[in-house]
């Protein structure tokens, strides 16, 4: 098993590596893609894709990205 700390974070939906390979960039990728499979994955994690997107667009800071990045890291740890 490889050391996940040094491995880039891949999108849990499509397997793509976002820019830096960090969880926060993966979150940006998921929001930026916004297609049905990506939305469905976020919603299946107990979050609301649309609520996170609205909050990200209307509130200063990156709270929604951070929330989603944490969920991505947890999903990654389960593998």
N, C-alpha and C. Protein backbone atom coordinates (compact mmCIF):
# COMPACT_ATOMS: atom_id res chain seq x y z
N UNK A 1 0.84 -1.18 0.00
CA UNK A 1 0.00 0.00 0.00
C UNK A 1 0.88 1.24 0.00
N UNK A 2 0.56 2.21 -0.84
CA UNK A 2 1.39 3.41 -0.94
C UNK A 2 1.06 4.38 0.19
N UNK A 3 1.97 5.26 0.45
CA UNK A 3 1.79 6.26 1.49
C UNK A 3 0.89 7.37 0.95
N UNK A 4 -0.35 7.44 1.41
CA UNK A 4 -1.31 8.40 0.88
C UNK A 4 -0.92 9.85 1.17
N UNK A 5 -0.10 10.08 2.18
CA UNK A 5 0.31 11.44 2.50
C UNK A 5 1.05 12.06 1.32
N UNK A 6 1.87 11.28 0.64
CA UNK A 6 2.65 11.79 -0.48
C UNK A 6 1.96 11.63 -1.83
N UNK A 7 0.91 10.83 -1.88
CA UNK A 7 0.18 10.62 -3.13
C UNK A 7 -0.74 11.79 -3.40
N UNK A 8 -0.90 12.19 -4.66
CA UNK A 8 -1.85 13.27 -4.95
C UNK A 8 -3.28 12.80 -4.67
N UNK A 9 -4.11 13.73 -4.29
CA UNK A 9 -5.52 13.44 -4.06
C UNK A 9 -6.20 13.38 -5.41
N UNK A 10 -6.86 12.27 -5.67
CA UNK A 10 -7.60 12.10 -6.91
C UNK A 10 -9.09 12.27 -6.64
N UNK A 11 -9.80 12.79 -7.62
CA UNK A 11 -11.24 12.97 -7.48
C UNK A 11 -11.90 11.62 -7.22
N UNK A 12 -12.70 11.52 -6.16
CA UNK A 12 -13.37 10.25 -5.86
C UNK A 12 -14.45 9.88 -6.88
N UNK A 13 -14.78 10.81 -7.75
CA UNK A 13 -15.82 10.57 -8.75
C UNK A 13 -15.21 10.13 -10.08
N UNK A 14 -14.28 10.93 -10.60
CA UNK A 14 -13.75 10.66 -11.94
C UNK A 14 -12.28 10.24 -11.96
N UNK A 15 -11.61 10.32 -10.81
CA UNK A 15 -10.23 9.90 -10.73
C UNK A 15 -9.21 10.91 -11.22
N UNK A 16 -9.67 12.10 -11.59
CA UNK A 16 -8.75 13.13 -12.09
C UNK A 16 -7.98 13.78 -10.93
N UNK A 17 -6.71 14.10 -11.20
CA UNK A 17 -5.90 14.85 -10.23
C UNK A 17 -6.10 16.33 -10.52
N UNK A 18 -6.58 17.06 -9.53
CA UNK A 18 -6.73 18.50 -9.69
C UNK A 18 -5.37 19.15 -9.55
N UNK A 19 -5.21 20.33 -10.08
CA UNK A 19 -3.95 21.08 -10.18
C UNK A 19 -2.81 20.59 -9.30
N UNK A 20 -2.86 20.87 -8.02
CA UNK A 20 -1.74 20.53 -7.14
C UNK A 20 -1.86 19.13 -6.55
N UNK A 21 -3.01 18.52 -6.72
CA UNK A 21 -3.23 17.21 -6.12
C UNK A 21 -3.60 17.28 -4.66
N UNK A 22 -3.98 18.47 -4.18
CA UNK A 22 -4.40 18.64 -2.79
C UNK A 22 -5.91 18.42 -2.68
N UNK A 23 -6.37 18.17 -1.47
CA UNK A 23 -7.80 17.97 -1.24
C UNK A 23 -8.59 19.25 -1.55
N UNK A 24 -8.01 20.41 -1.25
CA UNK A 24 -8.71 21.66 -1.52
C UNK A 24 -8.85 21.88 -3.03
N UNK A 25 -7.83 21.53 -3.80
CA UNK A 25 -7.95 21.64 -5.26
C UNK A 25 -8.93 20.61 -5.81
N UNK A 26 -9.01 19.47 -5.17
CA UNK A 26 -10.00 18.47 -5.58
C UNK A 26 -11.41 19.01 -5.32
N UNK A 27 -11.59 19.69 -4.20
CA UNK A 27 -12.89 20.30 -3.91
C UNK A 27 -13.23 21.35 -4.97
N UNK A 28 -12.25 22.16 -5.34
CA UNK A 28 -12.47 23.16 -6.40
C UNK A 28 -12.85 22.48 -7.71
N UNK A 29 -12.19 21.37 -8.01
CA UNK A 29 -12.50 20.60 -9.22
C UNK A 29 -13.95 20.12 -9.19
N UNK A 30 -14.38 19.57 -8.05
CA UNK A 30 -15.74 19.03 -7.94
C UNK A 30 -16.76 20.15 -8.13
N UNK A 31 -16.55 21.30 -7.47
CA UNK A 31 -17.47 22.43 -7.66
C UNK A 31 -17.42 22.94 -9.09
N UNK A 32 -16.23 23.02 -9.66
CA UNK A 32 -16.08 23.53 -11.02
C UNK A 32 -16.68 22.62 -12.07
N UNK A 33 -16.59 21.31 -11.84
CA UNK A 33 -17.17 20.36 -12.79
C UNK A 33 -18.68 20.44 -12.68
N UNK A 34 -19.18 20.22 -11.48
CA UNK A 34 -20.60 20.41 -11.20
C UNK A 34 -21.57 19.54 -11.99
N UNK A 35 -21.07 18.49 -12.64
CA UNK A 35 -21.99 17.63 -13.39
C UNK A 35 -22.73 16.70 -12.42
N UNK A 36 -23.67 15.95 -12.94
CA UNK A 36 -24.52 15.11 -12.10
C UNK A 36 -23.72 14.11 -11.26
N UNK A 37 -22.76 13.38 -11.81
CA UNK A 37 -22.02 12.43 -10.96
C UNK A 37 -21.29 13.11 -9.80
N UNK A 38 -20.71 14.29 -10.04
CA UNK A 38 -20.01 15.01 -8.97
C UNK A 38 -21.00 15.54 -7.93
N UNK A 39 -22.11 16.09 -8.39
CA UNK A 39 -23.15 16.57 -7.45
C UNK A 39 -23.69 15.42 -6.63
N UNK A 40 -23.96 14.30 -7.27
CA UNK A 40 -24.51 13.14 -6.57
C UNK A 40 -23.55 12.62 -5.51
N UNK A 41 -22.24 12.62 -5.81
CA UNK A 41 -21.26 12.14 -4.83
C UNK A 41 -21.28 13.04 -3.59
N UNK A 42 -21.28 14.36 -3.80
CA UNK A 42 -21.31 15.29 -2.67
C UNK A 42 -22.56 15.06 -1.84
N UNK A 43 -23.69 14.96 -2.50
CA UNK A 43 -24.95 14.75 -1.79
C UNK A 43 -24.96 13.42 -1.04
N UNK A 44 -24.34 12.39 -1.60
CA UNK A 44 -24.27 11.08 -0.95
C UNK A 44 -23.41 11.09 0.31
N UNK A 45 -22.57 12.14 0.45
CA UNK A 45 -21.73 12.27 1.63
C UNK A 45 -22.47 12.97 2.77
N UNK A 46 -23.74 13.25 2.56
CA UNK A 46 -24.54 13.92 3.58
C UNK A 46 -24.47 15.44 3.51
N UNK A 47 -23.94 15.96 2.42
CA UNK A 47 -23.86 17.40 2.20
C UNK A 47 -24.83 17.79 1.10
N UNK A 48 -25.07 19.06 0.96
CA UNK A 48 -25.89 19.57 -0.13
C UNK A 48 -24.98 20.34 -1.09
N UNK A 49 -24.80 19.79 -2.27
CA UNK A 49 -23.95 20.44 -3.27
C UNK A 49 -24.38 21.88 -3.49
N UNK A 50 -25.67 22.08 -3.71
CA UNK A 50 -26.16 23.43 -4.04
C UNK A 50 -25.98 24.38 -2.87
N UNK A 51 -26.22 23.92 -1.64
CA UNK A 51 -26.03 24.79 -0.47
C UNK A 51 -24.57 25.18 -0.31
N UNK A 52 -23.66 24.22 -0.50
CA UNK A 52 -22.24 24.52 -0.41
C UNK A 52 -21.82 25.51 -1.50
N UNK A 53 -22.34 25.30 -2.70
CA UNK A 53 -21.99 26.18 -3.82
C UNK A 53 -22.49 27.60 -3.58
N UNK A 54 -23.72 27.72 -3.10
CA UNK A 54 -24.28 29.05 -2.80
C UNK A 54 -23.46 29.74 -1.72
N UNK A 55 -23.13 28.98 -0.66
CA UNK A 55 -22.33 29.56 0.41
C UNK A 55 -20.97 30.02 -0.10
N UNK A 56 -20.35 29.21 -0.94
CA UNK A 56 -19.03 29.56 -1.48
C UNK A 56 -19.11 30.83 -2.31
N UNK A 57 -20.20 30.99 -3.05
CA UNK A 57 -20.34 32.14 -3.94
C UNK A 57 -20.74 33.42 -3.20
N UNK A 58 -21.35 33.28 -2.03
CA UNK A 58 -21.91 34.46 -1.36
C UNK A 58 -21.22 34.83 -0.06
N UNK A 59 -20.32 33.98 0.42
CA UNK A 59 -19.67 34.23 1.71
C UNK A 59 -18.16 34.33 1.50
N UNK A 60 -17.54 35.35 2.10
CA UNK A 60 -16.08 35.46 1.98
C UNK A 60 -15.38 34.24 2.59
N UNK A 61 -14.22 33.93 2.08
CA UNK A 61 -13.46 32.79 2.58
C UNK A 61 -13.73 31.55 1.75
N UNK A 62 -13.15 30.47 2.16
CA UNK A 62 -13.28 29.21 1.42
C UNK A 62 -13.90 28.11 2.27
N UNK A 63 -14.87 28.46 3.09
CA UNK A 63 -15.46 27.50 4.01
C UNK A 63 -16.00 26.26 3.30
N UNK A 64 -16.71 26.45 2.21
CA UNK A 64 -17.29 25.31 1.49
C UNK A 64 -16.20 24.41 0.91
N UNK A 65 -15.14 25.03 0.37
CA UNK A 65 -14.02 24.24 -0.15
C UNK A 65 -13.40 23.42 0.98
N UNK A 66 -13.24 24.05 2.14
CA UNK A 66 -12.63 23.38 3.28
C UNK A 66 -13.48 22.22 3.78
N UNK A 67 -14.79 22.44 3.85
CA UNK A 67 -15.70 21.37 4.27
C UNK A 67 -15.61 20.19 3.32
N UNK A 68 -15.68 20.48 2.03
CA UNK A 68 -15.62 19.41 1.04
C UNK A 68 -14.25 18.74 1.03
N UNK A 69 -13.18 19.50 1.22
CA UNK A 69 -11.83 18.92 1.27
C UNK A 69 -11.72 17.92 2.42
N UNK A 70 -12.30 18.24 3.57
CA UNK A 70 -12.28 17.32 4.71
C UNK A 70 -13.02 16.03 4.39
N UNK A 71 -14.15 16.15 3.71
CA UNK A 71 -14.92 14.96 3.33
C UNK A 71 -14.13 14.11 2.33
N UNK A 72 -13.46 14.77 1.41
CA UNK A 72 -12.63 14.06 0.42
C UNK A 72 -11.52 13.30 1.13
N UNK A 73 -10.87 13.93 2.10
CA UNK A 73 -9.80 13.29 2.86
C UNK A 73 -10.32 12.08 3.64
N UNK A 74 -11.51 12.21 4.24
CA UNK A 74 -12.11 11.09 4.98
C UNK A 74 -12.42 9.93 4.04
N UNK A 75 -12.97 10.23 2.88
CA UNK A 75 -13.30 9.19 1.89
C UNK A 75 -12.01 8.52 1.42
N UNK A 76 -10.97 9.29 1.26
CA UNK A 76 -9.68 8.77 0.82
C UNK A 76 -9.08 7.85 1.87
N UNK A 77 -9.23 8.20 3.12
CA UNK A 77 -8.69 7.41 4.22
C UNK A 77 -9.36 6.05 4.35
N UNK A 78 -10.61 5.98 3.90
CA UNK A 78 -11.36 4.71 3.97
C UNK A 78 -10.86 3.69 2.97
N UNK A 79 -10.16 4.14 1.93
CA UNK A 79 -9.69 3.24 0.88
C UNK A 79 -8.54 2.40 1.34
